[in-house]
Amino acid sequence: MRQPKLLFVTALATALVAGCKVDRTREGELPEVDVRGGQLPKFDIDPARVDVRMDTQTIVVPKVEVTPRQGNNP
């Protein structure tokens, strides 16, 4: 029931828009705008203190042995 109504309304709207004739009756013009300089805001910024240094360390990496499972190999 809704689909025929929607189709009718869509067809009617299309016919009304397509049936219109538009003629420009006068030229358009841009508005006059007065622009004057402004000022950006000022900020006082205290950056975070970062201490960067280089260090040499030795880490122990464990040895891992992997053995494949016997039997069902996918």
N, C-alpha and C. Protein backbone atom coordinates (compact mmCIF):
# COMPACT_ATOMS: atom_id res chain seq x y z
N MET A 1 0.82 -1.19 0.00
CA MET A 1 0.00 0.00 0.00
C MET A 1 0.87 1.26 0.00
N ARG A 2 2.00 1.23 0.72
CA ARG A 2 2.87 2.41 0.80
C ARG A 2 3.65 2.62 -0.50
N GLN A 3 4.03 1.52 -1.15
CA GLN A 3 4.87 1.63 -2.33
C GLN A 3 4.16 2.36 -3.48
N PRO A 4 2.88 2.09 -3.80
CA PRO A 4 2.22 2.85 -4.87
C PRO A 4 2.09 4.33 -4.52
N LYS A 5 1.85 4.66 -3.24
CA LYS A 5 1.74 6.07 -2.85
C LYS A 5 3.09 6.77 -3.02
N LEU A 6 4.16 6.10 -2.60
CA LEU A 6 5.49 6.68 -2.72
C LEU A 6 5.86 6.88 -4.19
N LEU A 7 5.52 5.92 -5.02
CA LEU A 7 5.78 6.03 -6.45
C LEU A 7 5.00 7.19 -7.05
N PHE A 8 3.73 7.35 -6.65
CA PHE A 8 2.89 8.43 -7.16
C PHE A 8 3.45 9.79 -6.74
N VAL A 9 3.82 9.92 -5.47
CA VAL A 9 4.35 11.19 -4.97
C VAL A 9 5.67 11.53 -5.67
N THR A 10 6.52 10.55 -5.87
CA THR A 10 7.79 10.77 -6.55
C THR A 10 7.57 11.19 -8.00
N ALA A 11 6.64 10.52 -8.68
CA ALA A 11 6.34 10.87 -10.07
C ALA A 11 5.74 12.27 -10.17
N LEU A 12 4.86 12.63 -9.24
CA LEU A 12 4.24 13.95 -9.24
C LEU A 12 5.29 15.04 -8.99
N ALA A 13 6.18 14.82 -8.04
CA ALA A 13 7.23 15.80 -7.75
C ALA A 13 8.16 15.97 -8.94
N THR A 14 8.49 14.87 -9.60
CA THR A 14 9.36 14.94 -10.78
C THR A 14 8.69 15.71 -11.90
N ALA A 15 7.39 15.46 -12.11
CA ALA A 15 6.65 16.16 -13.16
C ALA A 15 6.56 17.66 -12.87
N LEU A 16 6.34 18.02 -11.61
CA LEU A 16 6.24 19.43 -11.27
C LEU A 16 7.57 20.16 -11.46
N VAL A 17 8.66 19.52 -11.06
CA VAL A 17 9.97 20.15 -11.20
C VAL A 17 10.39 20.21 -12.66
N ALA A 18 10.15 19.16 -13.40
CA ALA A 18 10.54 19.12 -14.81
C ALA A 18 9.66 20.03 -15.65
N GLY A 19 8.46 20.31 -15.21
CA GLY A 19 7.54 21.14 -15.97
C GLY A 19 7.73 22.62 -15.72
N CYS A 20 8.63 23.01 -14.85
CA CYS A 20 8.83 24.43 -14.54
C CYS A 20 9.78 25.05 -15.55
N LYS A 21 9.50 26.32 -15.88
CA LYS A 21 10.39 27.09 -16.73
C LYS A 21 10.94 28.22 -15.88
N VAL A 22 12.25 28.35 -15.83
CA VAL A 22 12.88 29.36 -14.98
C VAL A 22 13.60 30.36 -15.86
N ASP A 23 13.25 31.65 -15.70
CA ASP A 23 13.93 32.74 -16.41
C ASP A 23 14.52 33.69 -15.38
N ARG A 24 15.76 34.10 -15.61
CA ARG A 24 16.39 35.07 -14.71
C ARG A 24 15.85 36.46 -15.07
N THR A 25 15.34 37.18 -14.08
CA THR A 25 14.73 38.48 -14.34
C THR A 25 15.67 39.63 -14.06
N ARG A 26 16.72 39.41 -13.28
CA ARG A 26 17.72 40.45 -13.06
C ARG A 26 19.05 39.80 -12.69
N GLU A 27 20.12 40.54 -12.88
CA GLU A 27 21.47 40.06 -12.57
C GLU A 27 21.69 40.06 -11.07
N GLY A 28 22.48 39.15 -10.59
CA GLY A 28 22.86 39.13 -9.19
C GLY A 28 24.16 39.88 -8.99
N GLU A 29 24.45 40.26 -7.77
CA GLU A 29 25.71 40.93 -7.48
C GLU A 29 26.20 40.52 -6.10
N LEU A 30 27.50 40.61 -5.92
CA LEU A 30 28.08 40.26 -4.63
C LEU A 30 27.89 41.40 -3.64
N PRO A 31 27.74 41.08 -2.37
CA PRO A 31 27.59 42.15 -1.37
C PRO A 31 28.92 42.87 -1.15
N GLU A 32 28.83 44.12 -0.71
CA GLU A 32 30.03 44.87 -0.38
C GLU A 32 30.43 44.51 1.06
N VAL A 33 31.70 44.18 1.22
CA VAL A 33 32.19 43.75 2.53
C VAL A 33 33.37 44.61 2.92
N ASP A 34 33.36 45.13 4.13
CA ASP A 34 34.48 45.92 4.64
C ASP A 34 35.31 45.02 5.56
N VAL A 35 36.56 44.81 5.18
CA VAL A 35 37.43 43.93 5.94
C VAL A 35 38.52 44.76 6.59
N ARG A 36 38.72 44.57 7.88
CA ARG A 36 39.81 45.27 8.56
C ARG A 36 40.64 44.24 9.32
N GLY A 37 41.86 44.62 9.59
CA GLY A 37 42.81 43.71 10.23
C GLY A 37 42.38 43.33 11.63
N GLY A 38 42.80 42.18 12.04
CA GLY A 38 42.49 41.70 13.38
C GLY A 38 43.77 41.41 14.15
N GLN A 39 43.65 40.65 15.21
CA GLN A 39 44.81 40.31 16.02
C GLN A 39 44.66 38.87 16.49
N LEU A 40 45.73 38.12 16.36
CA LEU A 40 45.72 36.75 16.83
C LEU A 40 45.88 36.73 18.35
N PRO A 41 45.34 35.72 19.01
CA PRO A 41 45.51 35.64 20.46
C PRO A 41 46.96 35.32 20.82
N LYS A 42 47.36 35.71 22.02
CA LYS A 42 48.71 35.44 22.49
C LYS A 42 48.64 34.37 23.57
N PHE A 43 49.61 33.45 23.55
CA PHE A 43 49.65 32.35 24.51
C PHE A 43 51.00 32.32 25.20
N ASP A 44 51.00 32.06 26.49
CA ASP A 44 52.22 31.76 27.23
C ASP A 44 52.25 30.25 27.44
N ILE A 45 53.28 29.61 26.90
CA ILE A 45 53.35 28.15 26.95
C ILE A 45 54.57 27.73 27.74
N ASP A 46 54.36 26.87 28.72
CA ASP A 46 55.44 26.27 29.48
C ASP A 46 55.53 24.80 29.05
N PRO A 47 56.49 24.47 28.17
CA PRO A 47 56.56 23.09 27.68
C PRO A 47 57.00 22.13 28.78
N ALA A 48 56.63 20.87 28.61
CA ALA A 48 57.03 19.84 29.56
C ALA A 48 58.54 19.64 29.49
N ARG A 49 59.13 19.32 30.62
CA ARG A 49 60.57 19.09 30.67
C ARG A 49 60.83 17.62 30.38
N VAL A 50 61.68 17.36 29.40
CA VAL A 50 61.98 15.99 28.99
C VAL A 50 63.48 15.76 29.13
N ASP A 51 63.83 14.70 29.87
CA ASP A 51 65.24 14.34 30.05
C ASP A 51 65.52 13.12 29.18
N VAL A 52 66.36 13.29 28.19
CA VAL A 52 66.68 12.20 27.26
C VAL A 52 68.15 11.84 27.43
N ARG A 53 68.41 10.55 27.63
CA ARG A 53 69.79 10.09 27.72
C ARG A 53 69.90 8.70 27.12
N MET A 54 71.12 8.31 26.82
CA MET A 54 71.38 7.01 26.24
C MET A 54 72.08 6.14 27.27
N ASP A 55 71.70 4.84 27.29
CA ASP A 55 72.26 3.93 28.26
C ASP A 55 72.43 2.57 27.59
N THR A 56 73.45 1.84 27.96
CA THR A 56 73.68 0.50 27.41
C THR A 56 73.38 -0.52 28.50
N GLN A 57 72.51 -1.49 28.15
CA GLN A 57 72.16 -2.54 29.09
C GLN A 57 72.17 -3.88 28.37
N THR A 58 72.40 -4.93 29.13
CA THR A 58 72.38 -6.29 28.59
C THR A 58 71.12 -6.98 29.10
N ILE A 59 70.38 -7.59 28.17
CA ILE A 59 69.18 -8.33 28.57
C ILE A 59 69.35 -9.79 28.20
N VAL A 60 68.75 -10.66 28.99
CA VAL A 60 68.84 -12.09 28.77
C VAL A 60 67.60 -12.53 27.98
N VAL A 61 67.86 -13.18 26.85
CA VAL A 61 66.77 -13.67 26.01
C VAL A 61 66.69 -15.17 26.18
N PRO A 62 65.53 -15.70 26.57
CA PRO A 62 65.44 -17.15 26.77
C PRO A 62 65.48 -17.91 25.44
N LYS A 63 66.01 -19.12 25.49
CA LYS A 63 66.07 -19.96 24.30
C LYS A 63 64.78 -20.76 24.25
N VAL A 64 64.13 -20.76 23.10
CA VAL A 64 62.86 -21.46 22.93
C VAL A 64 63.04 -22.51 21.85
N GLU A 65 62.64 -23.73 22.18
CA GLU A 65 62.69 -24.81 21.20
C GLU A 65 61.27 -25.16 20.79
N VAL A 66 61.04 -25.26 19.48
CA VAL A 66 59.71 -25.59 18.96
C VAL A 66 59.82 -26.88 18.18
N THR A 67 58.98 -27.85 18.56
CA THR A 67 58.95 -29.11 17.82
C THR A 67 57.56 -29.28 17.23
N PRO A 68 57.47 -29.60 15.93
CA PRO A 68 56.16 -29.76 15.30
C PRO A 68 55.43 -30.98 15.84
N ARG A 69 54.11 -30.90 15.87
CA ARG A 69 53.28 -31.99 16.36
C ARG A 69 53.22 -33.09 15.31
N GLN A 70 53.30 -34.30 15.73
CA GLN A 70 53.24 -35.45 14.83
C GLN A 70 51.79 -35.82 14.56
N GLY A 71 51.48 -36.25 13.34
CA GLY A 71 50.12 -36.73 13.05
C GLY A 71 49.35 -35.74 12.18
N ASN A 72 48.30 -35.16 12.74
CA ASN A 72 47.41 -34.28 11.98
C ASN A 72 48.08 -32.94 11.68
N ASN A 73 48.52 -32.78 10.47
CA ASN A 73 49.05 -31.49 10.03
C ASN A 73 48.00 -30.85 9.13
N PRO A 74 47.46 -29.75 9.51
CA PRO A 74 46.41 -29.12 8.68
C PRO A 74 46.95 -28.55 7.40
